[in-house]
């Protein structure tokens, strides 16, 4: 279950941001996740609840937006939103997006 490691990494990042901004409470966290990460959002939310217990992030709303894959043909430049092994032109494709985890916004109460 790699959701636990993602949840822990997200918590560490949010706690560092909260410390930098002298936050007393984090209320919401917005993230963009690439669909190719194969993250189960319910499992991620559960894991995040577990790892954030006892911190200023406990109880924060985790808002997840999924990002479609971006596959690009290295020969003709055609783009696809689904994973394919080879382009119509016979060219090899490259994964250019859909594997990212981006923290886009953290809502917090500051002192």
PDB file of N, CA and C in Angstrom:
ATOM      1  N   UNK A   1       0.854  -1.181   0.000  1.00  0.00           N
ATOM      2  CA  UNK A   1       0.000   0.000   0.000  1.00  0.00           C
ATOM      3  C   UNK A   1       0.895   1.238   0.000  1.00  0.00           C
ATOM      4  N   UNK A   2       1.128   1.791  -1.182  1.00  0.00           N
ATOM      5  CA  UNK A   2       1.994   2.960  -1.270  1.00  0.00           C
ATOM      6  C   UNK A   2       1.283   4.249  -0.871  1.00  0.00           C
ATOM      7  N   UNK A   3      -0.016   4.184  -0.619  1.00  0.00           N
ATOM      8  CA  UNK A   3      -0.739   5.365  -0.143  1.00  0.00           C
ATOM      9  C   UNK A   3      -0.176   5.853   1.188  1.00  0.00           C
ATOM     10  N   UNK A   4       0.279   4.933   2.028  1.00  0.00           N
ATOM     11  CA  UNK A   4       0.838   5.321   3.325  1.00  0.00           C
ATOM     12  C   UNK A   4       2.103   6.159   3.159  1.00  0.00           C
ATOM     13  N   UNK A   5       2.985   5.767   2.257  1.00  0.00           N
ATOM     14  CA  UNK A   5       4.210   6.552   2.052  1.00  0.00           C
ATOM     15  C   UNK A   5       3.896   7.910   1.429  1.00  0.00           C
ATOM     16  N   UNK A   6       2.904   7.972   0.541  1.00  0.00           N
ATOM     17  CA  UNK A   6       2.483   9.260  -0.014  1.00  0.00           C
ATOM     18  C   UNK A   6       1.888  10.145   1.077  1.00  0.00           C
ATOM     19  N   UNK A   7       1.064   9.555   1.945  1.00  0.00           N
ATOM     20  CA  UNK A   7       0.447  10.317   3.032  1.00  0.00           C
ATOM     21  C   UNK A   7       1.513  10.881   3.969  1.00  0.00           C
ATOM     22  N   UNK A   8       2.517  10.085   4.294  1.00  0.00           N
ATOM     23  CA  UNK A   8       3.581  10.546   5.189  1.00  0.00           C
ATOM     24  C   UNK A   8       4.396  11.659   4.541  1.00  0.00           C
ATOM     25  N   UNK A   9       4.720  11.510   3.267  1.00  0.00           N
ATOM     26  CA  UNK A   9       5.476  12.553   2.553  1.00  0.00           C
ATOM     27  C   UNK A   9       4.674  13.849   2.477  1.00  0.00           C
ATOM     28  N   UNK A  10       3.385  13.729   2.226  1.00  0.00           N
ATOM     29  CA  UNK A  10       2.515  14.904   2.166  1.00  0.00           C
ATOM     30  C   UNK A  10       2.451  15.583   3.528  1.00  0.00           C
ATOM     31  N   UNK A  11       2.288  14.802   4.583  1.00  0.00           N
ATOM     32  CA  UNK A  11       2.246  15.370   5.931  1.00  0.00           C
ATOM     33  C   UNK A  11       3.544  16.093   6.262  1.00  0.00           C
ATOM     34  N   UNK A  12       4.674  15.491   5.963  1.00  0.00           N
ATOM     35  CA  UNK A  12       5.967  16.125   6.246  1.00  0.00           C
ATOM     36  C   UNK A  12       6.085  17.472   5.544  1.00  0.00           C
ATOM     37  N   UNK A  13       5.664  17.519   4.290  1.00  0.00           N
ATOM     38  CA  UNK A  13       5.725  18.764   3.521  1.00  0.00           C
ATOM     39  C   UNK A  13       4.802  19.820   4.117  1.00  0.00           C
ATOM     40  N   UNK A  14       3.584  19.423   4.451  1.00  0.00           N
ATOM     41  CA  UNK A  14       2.607  20.362   5.010  1.00  0.00           C
ATOM     42  C   UNK A  14       3.066  20.869   6.375  1.00  0.00           C
ATOM     43  N   UNK A  15       3.614  19.997   7.201  1.00  0.00           N
ATOM     44  CA  UNK A  15       4.103  20.432   8.516  1.00  0.00           C
ATOM     45  C   UNK A  15       5.240  21.438   8.378  1.00  0.00           C
ATOM     46  N   UNK A  16       6.125  21.225   7.416  1.00  0.00           N
ATOM     47  CA  UNK A  16       7.211  22.188   7.179  1.00  0.00           C
ATOM     48  C   UNK A  16       6.669  23.537   6.731  1.00  0.00           C
ATOM     49  N   UNK A  17       5.682  23.524   5.834  1.00  0.00           N
ATOM     50  CA  UNK A  17       5.057  24.776   5.392  1.00  0.00           C
ATOM     51  C   UNK A  17       4.361  25.481   6.551  1.00  0.00           C
ATOM     52  N   UNK A  18       3.646  24.704   7.350  1.00  0.00           N
ATOM     53  CA  UNK A  18       2.932  25.276   8.491  1.00  0.00           C
ATOM     54  C   UNK A  18       3.910  25.904   9.481  1.00  0.00           C
ATOM     55  N   UNK A  19       5.021  25.237   9.715  1.00  0.00           N
ATOM     56  CA  UNK A  19       6.043  25.777  10.620  1.00  0.00           C
ATOM     57  C   UNK A  19       6.611  27.078  10.066  1.00  0.00           C
ATOM     58  N   UNK A  20       6.917  27.102   8.765  1.00  0.00           N
ATOM     59  CA  UNK A  20       7.464  28.306   8.127  1.00  0.00           C
ATOM     60  C   UNK A  20       6.520  29.497   8.228  1.00  0.00           C
ATOM     61  N   UNK A  21       5.210  29.230   8.220  1.00  0.00           N
ATOM     62  CA  UNK A  21       4.212  30.302   8.270  1.00  0.00           C
ATOM     63  C   UNK A  21       3.632  30.506   9.673  1.00  0.00           C
ATOM     64  N   UNK A  22       4.223  29.832  10.653  1.00  0.00           N
ATOM     65  CA  UNK A  22       3.784  29.935  12.049  1.00  0.00           C
ATOM     66  C   UNK A  22       2.279  29.648  12.203  1.00  0.00           C
ATOM     67  N   UNK A  23       1.844  28.594  11.546  1.00  0.00           N
ATOM     68  CA  UNK A  23       0.430  28.210  11.589  1.00  0.00           C
ATOM     69  C   UNK A  23       0.109  27.517  12.900  1.00  0.00           C
ATOM     70  N   UNK A  24      -1.098  27.769  13.384  1.00  0.00           N
ATOM     71  CA  UNK A  24      -1.546  27.055  14.580  1.00  0.00           C
ATOM     72  C   UNK A  24      -2.458  25.886  14.217  1.00  0.00           C
ATOM     73  N   UNK A  25      -3.011  25.909  12.979  1.00  0.00           N
ATOM     74  CA  UNK A  25      -3.894  24.839  12.522  1.00  0.00           C
ATOM     75  C   UNK A  25      -3.923  24.818  10.999  1.00  0.00           C
ATOM     76  N   UNK A  26      -3.886  23.617  10.428  1.00  0.00           N
ATOM     77  CA  UNK A  26      -4.070  23.441   8.987  1.00  0.00           C
ATOM     78  C   UNK A  26      -5.494  22.931   8.790  1.00  0.00           C
ATOM     79  N   UNK A  27      -6.253  23.612   7.917  1.00  0.00           N
ATOM     80  CA  UNK A  27      -7.664  23.267   7.738  1.00  0.00           C
ATOM     81  C   UNK A  27      -7.964  22.517   6.442  1.00  0.00           C
ATOM     82  N   UNK A  28      -7.161  22.745   5.408  1.00  0.00           N
ATOM     83  CA  UNK A  28      -7.405  22.054   4.133  1.00  0.00           C
ATOM     84  C   UNK A  28      -6.113  21.943   3.337  1.00  0.00           C
ATOM     85  N   UNK A  29      -6.010  20.853   2.600  1.00  0.00           N
ATOM     86  CA  UNK A  29      -4.835  20.585   1.769  1.00  0.00           C
ATOM     87  C   UNK A  29      -5.341  20.183   0.385  1.00  0.00           C
ATOM     88  N   UNK A  30      -4.841  20.865  -0.642  1.00  0.00           N
ATOM     89  CA  UNK A  30      -5.233  20.582  -2.022  1.00  0.00           C
ATOM     90  C   UNK A  30      -4.044  19.949  -2.744  1.00  0.00           C
ATOM     91  N   UNK A  31      -4.273  18.804  -3.362  1.00  0.00           N
ATOM     92  CA  UNK A  31      -3.204  18.135  -4.110  1.00  0.00           C
ATOM     93  C   UNK A  31      -3.705  17.696  -5.483  1.00  0.00           C
ATOM     94  N   UNK A  32      -2.773  17.676  -6.436  1.00  0.00           N
ATOM     95  CA  UNK A  32      -3.032  17.112  -7.759  1.00  0.00           C
ATOM     96  C   UNK A  32      -2.227  15.828  -7.854  1.00  0.00           C
ATOM     97  N   UNK A  33      -2.903  14.754  -8.221  1.00  0.00           N
ATOM     98  CA  UNK A  33      -2.250  13.450  -8.343  1.00  0.00           C
ATOM     99  C   UNK A  33      -2.410  12.928  -9.763  1.00  0.00           C
ATOM    100  N   UNK A  34      -1.328  12.476 -10.341  1.00  0.00           N
ATOM    101  CA  UNK A  34      -1.387  11.863 -11.660  1.00  0.00           C
ATOM    102  C   UNK A  34      -2.080  10.516 -11.587  1.00  0.00           C
ATOM    103  N   UNK A  35      -2.945  10.263 -12.549  1.00  0.00           N
ATOM    104  CA  UNK A  35      -3.685   8.996 -12.569  1.00  0.00           C
ATOM    105  C   UNK A  35      -2.767   7.784 -12.679  1.00  0.00           C
ATOM    106  N   UNK A  36      -1.586   7.969 -13.258  1.00  0.00           N
ATOM    107  CA  UNK A  36      -0.667   6.838 -13.421  1.00  0.00           C
ATOM    108  C   UNK A  36      -0.025   6.399 -12.110  1.00  0.00           C
ATOM    109  N   UNK A  37      -0.189   7.190 -11.051  1.00  0.00           N
ATOM    110  CA  UNK A  37       0.321   6.787  -9.739  1.00  0.00           C
ATOM    111  C   UNK A  37      -0.503   5.650  -9.153  1.00  0.00           C
ATOM    112  N   UNK A  38      -1.720   5.482  -9.678  1.00  0.00           N
ATOM    113  CA  UNK A  38      -2.641   4.439  -9.209  1.00  0.00           C
ATOM    114  C   UNK A  38      -2.923   4.564  -7.715  1.00  0.00           C
ATOM    115  N   UNK A  39      -3.124   5.791  -7.275  1.00  0.00           N
ATOM    116  CA  UNK A  39      -3.450   6.056  -5.871  1.00  0.00           C
ATOM    117  C   UNK A  39      -4.954   5.914  -5.670  1.00  0.00           C
ATOM    118  N   UNK A  40      -5.344   5.168  -4.664  1.00  0.00           N
ATOM    119  CA  UNK A  40      -6.745   5.062  -4.284  1.00  0.00           C
ATOM    120  C   UNK A  40      -7.046   6.239  -3.358  1.00  0.00           C
ATOM    121  N   UNK A  41      -7.935   7.163  -3.755  1.00  0.00           N
ATOM    122  CA  UNK A  41      -8.154   8.367  -2.949  1.00  0.00           C
ATOM    123  C   UNK A  41      -8.691   8.082  -1.548  1.00  0.00           C
ATOM    124  N   UNK A  42      -9.548   7.083  -1.418  1.00  0.00           N
ATOM    125  CA  UNK A  42     -10.091   6.764  -0.091  1.00  0.00           C
ATOM    126  C   UNK A  42      -8.997   6.206   0.823  1.00  0.00           C
ATOM    127  N   UNK A  43      -8.134   5.358   0.279  1.00  0.00           N
ATOM    128  CA  UNK A  43      -7.027   4.829   1.079  1.00  0.00           C
ATOM    129  C   UNK A  43      -6.056   5.936   1.459  1.00  0.00           C
ATOM    130  N   UNK A  44      -5.789   6.855   0.521  1.00  0.00           N
ATOM    131  CA  UNK A  44      -4.891   7.972   0.821  1.00  0.00           C
ATOM    132  C   UNK A  44      -5.470   8.838   1.931  1.00  0.00           C
ATOM    133  N   UNK A  45      -6.759   9.135   1.852  1.00  0.00           N
ATOM    134  CA  UNK A  45      -7.403   9.950   2.896  1.00  0.00           C
ATOM    135  C   UNK A  45      -7.335   9.244   4.248  1.00  0.00           C
ATOM    136  N   UNK A  46      -7.594   7.933   4.256  1.00  0.00           N
ATOM    137  CA  UNK A  46      -7.521   7.177   5.505  1.00  0.00           C
ATOM    138  C   UNK A  46      -6.104   7.211   6.078  1.00  0.00           C
ATOM    139  N   UNK A  47      -5.119   6.932   5.233  1.00  0.00           N
ATOM    140  CA  UNK A  47      -3.719   6.946   5.683  1.00  0.00           C
ATOM    141  C   UNK A  47      -3.323   8.330   6.188  1.00  0.00           C
ATOM    142  N   UNK A  48      -3.800   9.363   5.509  1.00  0.00           N
ATOM    143  CA  UNK A  48      -3.473  10.724   5.926  1.00  0.00           C
ATOM    144  C   UNK A  48      -4.078  11.026   7.295  1.00  0.00           C
ATOM    145  N   UNK A  49      -5.300  10.556   7.525  1.00  0.00           N
ATOM    146  CA  UNK A  49      -5.923  10.730   8.847  1.00  0.00           C
ATOM    147  C   UNK A  49      -5.071  10.067   9.925  1.00  0.00           C
ATOM    148  N   UNK A  50      -4.582   8.878   9.640  1.00  0.00           N
ATOM    149  CA  UNK A  50      -3.787   8.126  10.614  1.00  0.00           C
ATOM    150  C   UNK A  50      -2.471   8.834  10.917  1.00  0.00           C
ATOM    151  N   UNK A  51      -1.723   9.227   9.872  1.00  0.00           N
ATOM    152  CA  UNK A  51      -0.398   9.816  10.108  1.00  0.00           C
ATOM    153  C   UNK A  51      -0.474  11.237  10.657  1.00  0.00           C
ATOM    154  N   UNK A  52      -1.596  11.925  10.440  1.00  0.00           N
ATOM    155  CA  UNK A  52      -1.700  13.314  10.915  1.00  0.00           C
ATOM    156  C   UNK A  52      -2.258  13.423  12.333  1.00  0.00           C
ATOM    157  N   UNK A  53      -2.675  12.315  12.902  1.00  0.00           N
ATOM    158  CA  UNK A  53      -3.214  12.333  14.273  1.00  0.00           C
ATOM    159  C   UNK A  53      -2.211  12.931  15.251  1.00  0.00           C
ATOM    160  N   UNK A  54      -2.708  13.845  16.086  1.00  0.00           N
ATOM    161  CA  UNK A  54      -1.860  14.455  17.098  1.00  0.00           C
ATOM    162  C   UNK A  54      -1.021  15.617  16.590  1.00  0.00           C
ATOM    163  N   UNK A  55      -1.235  16.022  15.335  1.00  0.00           N
ATOM    164  CA  UNK A  55      -0.499  17.160  14.771  1.00  0.00           C
ATOM    165  C   UNK A  55      -1.478  18.305  14.501  1.00  0.00           C
ATOM    166  N   UNK A  56      -0.953  19.462  14.109  1.00  0.00           N
ATOM    167  CA  UNK A  56      -1.834  20.589  13.775  1.00  0.00           C
ATOM    168  C   UNK A  56      -2.570  20.362  12.449  1.00  0.00           C
ATOM    169  N   UNK A  57      -2.254  19.274  11.784  1.00  0.00           N
ATOM    170  CA  UNK A  57      -2.908  18.934  10.518  1.00  0.00           C
ATOM    171  C   UNK A  57      -4.107  18.006  10.751  1.00  0.00           C
ATOM    172  N   UNK A  58      -4.204  17.433  11.937  1.00  0.00           N
ATOM    173  CA  UNK A  58      -5.296  16.504  12.230  1.00  0.00           C
ATOM    174  C   UNK A  58      -6.643  17.163  11.941  1.00  0.00           C
ATOM    175  N   UNK A  59      -7.477  16.451  11.193  1.00  0.00           N
ATOM    176  CA  UNK A  59      -8.809  16.951  10.858  1.00  0.00           C
ATOM    177  C   UNK A  59      -8.867  17.820   9.612  1.00  0.00           C
ATOM    178  N   UNK A  60      -7.717  18.103   9.009  1.00  0.00           N
ATOM    179  CA  UNK A  60      -7.702  18.924   7.789  1.00  0.00           C
ATOM    180  C   UNK A  60      -8.375  18.162   6.650  1.00  0.00           C
ATOM    181  N   UNK A  61      -9.071  18.901   5.809  1.00  0.00           N
ATOM    182  CA  UNK A  61      -9.734  18.304   4.655  1.00  0.00           C
ATOM    183  C   UNK A  61      -8.700  18.096   3.551  1.00  0.00           C
ATOM    184  N   UNK A  62      -8.635  16.885   3.021  1.00  0.00           N
ATOM    185  CA  UNK A  62      -7.715  16.560   1.931  1.00  0.00           C
ATOM    186  C   UNK A  62      -8.507  16.559   0.629  1.00  0.00           C
ATOM    187  N   UNK A  63      -8.198  17.518  -0.243  1.00  0.00           N
ATOM    188  CA  UNK A  63      -8.923  17.686  -1.500  1.00  0.00           C
ATOM    189  C   UNK A  63      -8.013  17.226  -2.639  1.00  0.00           C
ATOM    190  N   UNK A  64      -8.453  16.196  -3.348  1.00  0.00           N
ATOM    191  CA  UNK A  64      -7.630  15.560  -4.378  1.00  0.00           C
ATOM    192  C   UNK A  64      -8.218  15.826  -5.762  1.00  0.00           C
ATOM    193  N   UNK A  65      -7.361  16.282  -6.655  1.00  0.00           N
ATOM    194  CA  UNK A  65      -7.733  16.446  -8.065  1.00  0.00           C
ATOM    195  C   UNK A  65      -6.816  15.529  -8.873  1.00  0.00           C
ATOM    196  N   UNK A  66      -7.412  14.706  -9.722  1.00  0.00           N
ATOM    197  CA  UNK A  66      -6.606  13.790 -10.524  1.00  0.00           C
ATOM    198  C   UNK A  66      -6.230  14.411 -11.862  1.00  0.00           C
ATOM    199  N   UNK A  67      -5.002  14.146 -12.301  1.00  0.00           N
ATOM    200  CA  UNK A  67      -4.470  14.665 -13.555  1.00  0.00           C
ATOM    201  C   UNK A  67      -4.360  13.506 -14.544  1.00  0.00           C
ATOM    202  N   UNK A  68      -4.938  13.704 -15.714  1.00  0.00           N
ATOM    203  CA  UNK A  68      -4.888  12.683 -16.766  1.00  0.00           C
ATOM    204  C   UNK A  68      -3.452  12.486 -17.241  1.00  0.00           C
ATOM    205  N   UNK A  69      -3.136  11.286 -17.704  1.00  0.00           N
ATOM    206  CA  UNK A  69      -1.808  11.059 -18.276  1.00  0.00           C
ATOM    207  C   UNK A  69      -1.618  11.886 -19.547  1.00  0.00           C
ATOM    208  N   UNK A  70      -0.389  12.242 -19.818  1.00  0.00           N
ATOM    209  CA  UNK A  70      -0.052  12.899 -21.084  1.00  0.00           C
ATOM    210  C   UNK A  70       1.040  12.055 -21.729  1.00  0.00           C
ATOM    211  N   UNK A  71       0.674  11.434 -22.831  1.00  0.00           N
ATOM    212  CA  UNK A  71       1.581  10.570 -23.565  1.00  0.00           C
ATOM    213  C   UNK A  71       1.890  11.272 -24.889  1.00  0.00           C
ATOM    214  N   UNK A  72       3.163  11.376 -25.245  1.00  0.00           N
ATOM    215  CA  UNK A  72       3.573  12.098 -26.453  1.00  0.00           C
ATOM    216  C   UNK A  72       4.404  11.176 -27.341  1.00  0.00           C
ATOM    217  N   UNK A  73       4.083  11.187 -28.626  1.00  0.00           N
ATOM    218  CA  UNK A  73       4.871  10.433 -29.605  1.00  0.00           C
ATOM    219  C   UNK A  73       6.179  11.179 -29.844  1.00  0.00           C
ATOM    220  N   UNK A  74       7.290  10.472 -29.725  1.00  0.00           N
ATOM    221  CA  UNK A  74       8.598  11.108 -29.914  1.00  0.00           C
ATOM    222  C   UNK A  74       8.906  11.364 -31.391  1.00  0.00           C
ATOM    223  N   UNK A  75       8.108  10.762 -32.285  1.00  0.00           N
ATOM    224  CA  UNK A  75       8.335  10.960 -33.724  1.00  0.00           C
ATOM    225  C   UNK A  75       7.485  12.094 -34.296  1.00  0.00           C
ATOM    226  N   UNK A  76       6.153  11.998 -34.109  1.00  0.00           N
ATOM    227  CA  UNK A  76       5.258  12.973 -34.750  1.00  0.00           C
ATOM    228  C   UNK A  76       4.725  14.036 -33.795  1.00  0.00           C
ATOM    229  N   UNK A  77       4.894  13.831 -32.482  1.00  0.00           N
ATOM    230  CA  UNK A  77       4.442  14.823 -31.510  1.00  0.00           C
ATOM    231  C   UNK A  77       2.987  14.706 -31.100  1.00  0.00           C
ATOM    232  N   UNK A  78       2.263  13.735 -31.635  1.00  0.00           N
ATOM    233  CA  UNK A  78       0.858  13.536 -31.277  1.00  0.00           C
ATOM    234  C   UNK A  78       0.753  13.216 -29.787  1.00  0.00           C
ATOM    235  N   UNK A  79      -0.291  13.769 -29.130  1.00  0.00           N
ATOM    236  CA  UNK A  79      -0.474  13.524 -27.698  1.00  0.00           C
ATOM    237  C   UNK A  79      -1.706  12.654 -27.457  1.00  0.00           C
ATOM    238  N   UNK A  80      -1.643  11.887 -26.381  1.00  0.00           N
ATOM    239  CA  UNK A  80      -2.719  10.983 -25.985  1.00  0.00           C
ATOM    240  C   UNK A  80      -2.967  11.147 -24.491  1.00  0.00           C
ATOM    241  N   UNK A  81      -4.217  10.851 -24.065  1.00  0.00           N
ATOM    242  CA  UNK A  81      -4.549  10.858 -22.641  1.00  0.00           C
ATOM    243  C   UNK A  81      -4.648   9.456 -22.070  1.00  0.00           C
ATOM    244  N   UNK A  82      -4.437   8.466 -22.904  1.00  0.00           N
ATOM    245  CA  UNK A  82      -4.438   7.092 -22.417  1.00  0.00           C
ATOM    246  C   UNK A  82      -3.084   6.468 -22.735  1.00  0.00           C
ATOM    247  N   UNK A  83      -2.737   5.477 -21.957  1.00  0.00           N
ATOM    248  CA  UNK A  83      -1.435   4.835 -22.124  1.00  0.00           C
ATOM    249  C   UNK A  83      -1.494   3.900 -23.327  1.00  0.00           C
ATOM    250  N   UNK A  84      -0.571   4.129 -24.253  1.00  0.00           N
ATOM    251  CA  UNK A  84      -0.437   3.264 -25.425  1.00  0.00           C
ATOM    252  C   UNK A  84       1.039   2.922 -25.576  1.00  0.00           C
ATOM    253  N   UNK A  85       1.324   1.832 -26.243  1.00  0.00           N
ATOM    254  CA  UNK A  85       2.712   1.412 -26.407  1.00  0.00           C
ATOM    255  C   UNK A  85       3.391   1.997 -27.620  1.00  0.00           C
ATOM    256  N   UNK A  86       2.596   2.289 -28.633  1.00  0.00           N
ATOM    257  CA  UNK A  86       3.172   2.788 -29.884  1.00  0.00           C
ATOM    258  C   UNK A  86       2.145   3.696 -30.561  1.00  0.00           C
ATOM    259  N   UNK A  87       2.610   4.715 -31.232  1.00  0.00           N
ATOM    260  CA  UNK A  87       1.747   5.685 -31.913  1.00  0.00           C
ATOM    261  C   UNK A  87       1.241   5.113 -33.235  1.00  0.00           C
ATOM    262  N   UNK A  88       0.185   5.724 -33.757  1.00  0.00           N
ATOM    263  CA  UNK A  88      -0.354   5.335 -35.067  1.00  0.00           C
ATOM    264  C   UNK A  88       0.712   5.422 -36.160  1.00  0.00           C
ATOM    265  N   UNK A  89       1.646   6.375 -36.012  1.00  0.00           N
ATOM    266  CA  UNK A  89       2.688   6.566 -37.027  1.00  0.00           C
ATOM    267  C   UNK A  89       3.816   5.538 -36.896  1.00  0.00           C
ATOM    268  N   UNK A  90       3.752   4.724 -35.836  1.00  0.00           N
ATOM    269  CA  UNK A  90       4.793   3.731 -35.600  1.00  0.00           C
ATOM    270  C   UNK A  90       5.875   4.212 -34.655  1.00  0.00           C
ATOM    271  N   UNK A  91       5.764   5.473 -34.218  1.00  0.00           N
ATOM    272  CA  UNK A  91       6.760   6.046 -33.315  1.00  0.00           C
ATOM    273  C   UNK A  91       6.602   5.582 -31.879  1.00  0.00           C
ATOM    274  N   UNK A  92       7.680   5.681 -31.149  1.00  0.00           N
ATOM    275  CA  UNK A  92       7.696   5.335 -29.727  1.00  0.00           C
ATOM    276  C   UNK A  92       7.097   6.496 -28.942  1.00  0.00           C
ATOM    277  N   UNK A  93       6.369   6.173 -27.879  1.00  0.00           N
ATOM    278  CA  UNK A  93       5.742   7.215 -27.070  1.00  0.00           C
ATOM    279  C   UNK A  93       6.496   7.410 -25.760  1.00  0.00           C
ATOM    280  N   UNK A  94       6.334   8.600 -25.203  1.00  0.00           N
ATOM    281  CA  UNK A  94       6.983   8.968 -23.949  1.00  0.00           C
ATOM    282  C   UNK A  94       5.923   9.491 -22.983  1.00  0.00           C
ATOM    283  N   UNK A  95       6.026   9.104 -21.721  1.00  0.00           N
ATOM    284  CA  UNK A  95       5.102   9.591 -20.698  1.00  0.00           C
ATOM    285  C   UNK A  95       5.589  10.954 -20.230  1.00  0.00           C
ATOM    286  N   UNK A  96       4.774  11.985 -20.453  1.00  0.00           N
ATOM    287  CA  UNK A  96       5.141  13.358 -20.102  1.00  0.00           C
ATOM    288  C   UNK A  96       4.351  13.884 -18.909  1.00  0.00           C
ATOM    289  N   UNK A  97       3.340  13.189 -18.479  1.00  0.00           N
ATOM    290  CA  UNK A  97       2.534  13.645 -17.352  1.00  0.00           C
ATOM    291  C   UNK A  97       1.627  12.539 -16.871  1.00  0.00           C
ATOM    292  N   UNK A  98       1.102  12.719 -15.662  1.00  0.00           N
ATOM    293  CA  UNK A  98       0.208  11.724 -15.090  1.00  0.00           C
ATOM    294  C   UNK A  98       0.834  10.937 -13.964  1.00  0.00           C
ATOM    295  N   UNK A  99       2.102  11.266 -13.622  1.00  0.00           N
ATOM    296  CA  UNK A  99       2.785  10.577 -12.522  1.00  0.00           C
ATOM    297  C   UNK A  99       3.146  11.544 -11.396  1.00  0.00           C
ATOM    298  N   UNK A 100       2.603  12.754 -11.465  1.00  0.00           N
ATOM    299  CA  UNK A 100       3.005  13.779 -10.509  1.00  0.00           C
ATOM    300  C   UNK A 100       2.136  13.783  -9.245  1.00  0.00           C
ATOM    301  N   UNK A 101       2.716  14.299  -8.175  1.00  0.00           N
ATOM    302  CA  UNK A 101       1.995  14.599  -6.939  1.00  0.00           C
ATOM    303  C   UNK A 101       2.376  16.029  -6.604  1.00  0.00           C
ATOM    304  N   UNK A 102       1.414  16.947  -6.757  1.00  0.00           N
ATOM    305  CA  UNK A 102       1.694  18.368  -6.582  1.00  0.00           C
ATOM    306  C   UNK A 102       0.817  18.934  -5.473  1.00  0.00           C
ATOM    307  N   UNK A 103       1.453  19.505  -4.484  1.00  0.00           N
ATOM    308  CA  UNK A 103       0.738  20.211  -3.428  1.00  0.00           C
ATOM    309  C   UNK A 103       0.415  21.594  -3.977  1.00  0.00           C
ATOM    310  N   UNK A 104      -0.872  21.874  -4.206  1.00  0.00           N
ATOM    311  CA  UNK A 104      -1.246  23.129  -4.863  1.00  0.00           C
ATOM    312  C   UNK A 104      -1.655  24.225  -3.895  1.00  0.00           C
ATOM    313  N   UNK A 105      -2.187  23.835  -2.731  1.00  0.00           N
ATOM    314  CA  UNK A 105      -2.666  24.857  -1.792  1.00  0.00           C
ATOM    315  C   UNK A 105      -2.782  24.256  -0.396  1.00  0.00           C
ATOM    316  N   UNK A 106      -2.400  25.041   0.599  1.00  0.00           N
ATOM    317  CA  UNK A 106      -2.576  24.651   1.994  1.00  0.00           C
ATOM    318  C   UNK A 106      -3.301  25.794   2.688  1.00  0.00           C
ATOM    319  N   UNK A 107      -4.452  25.481   3.269  1.00  0.00           N
ATOM    320  CA  UNK A 107      -5.210  26.485   4.015  1.00  0.00           C
ATOM    321  C   UNK A 107      -4.885  26.303   5.488  1.00  0.00           C
ATOM    322  N   UNK A 108      -4.497  27.404   6.134  1.00  0.00           N
ATOM    323  CA  UNK A 108      -4.100  27.308   7.538  1.00  0.00           C
ATOM    324  C   UNK A 108      -4.490  28.553   8.315  1.00  0.00           C
ATOM    325  N   UNK A 109      -4.608  28.376   9.615  1.00  0.00           N
ATOM    326  CA  UNK A 109      -4.837  29.493  10.528  1.00  0.00           C
ATOM    327  C   UNK A 109      -3.485  29.865  11.113  1.00  0.00           C
ATOM    328  N   UNK A 110      -3.116  31.136  10.983  1.00  0.00           N
ATOM    329  CA  UNK A 110      -1.820  31.582  11.493  1.00  0.00           C
ATOM    330  C   UNK A 110      -2.011  32.426  12.745  1.00  0.00           C
ATOM    331  N   UNK A 111      -0.941  32.532  13.508  1.00  0.00           N
ATOM    332  CA  UNK A 111      -0.991  33.297  14.766  1.00  0.00           C
ATOM    333  C   UNK A 111      -1.090  34.777  14.515  1.00  0.00           C
TER     334      UNK A 111
END
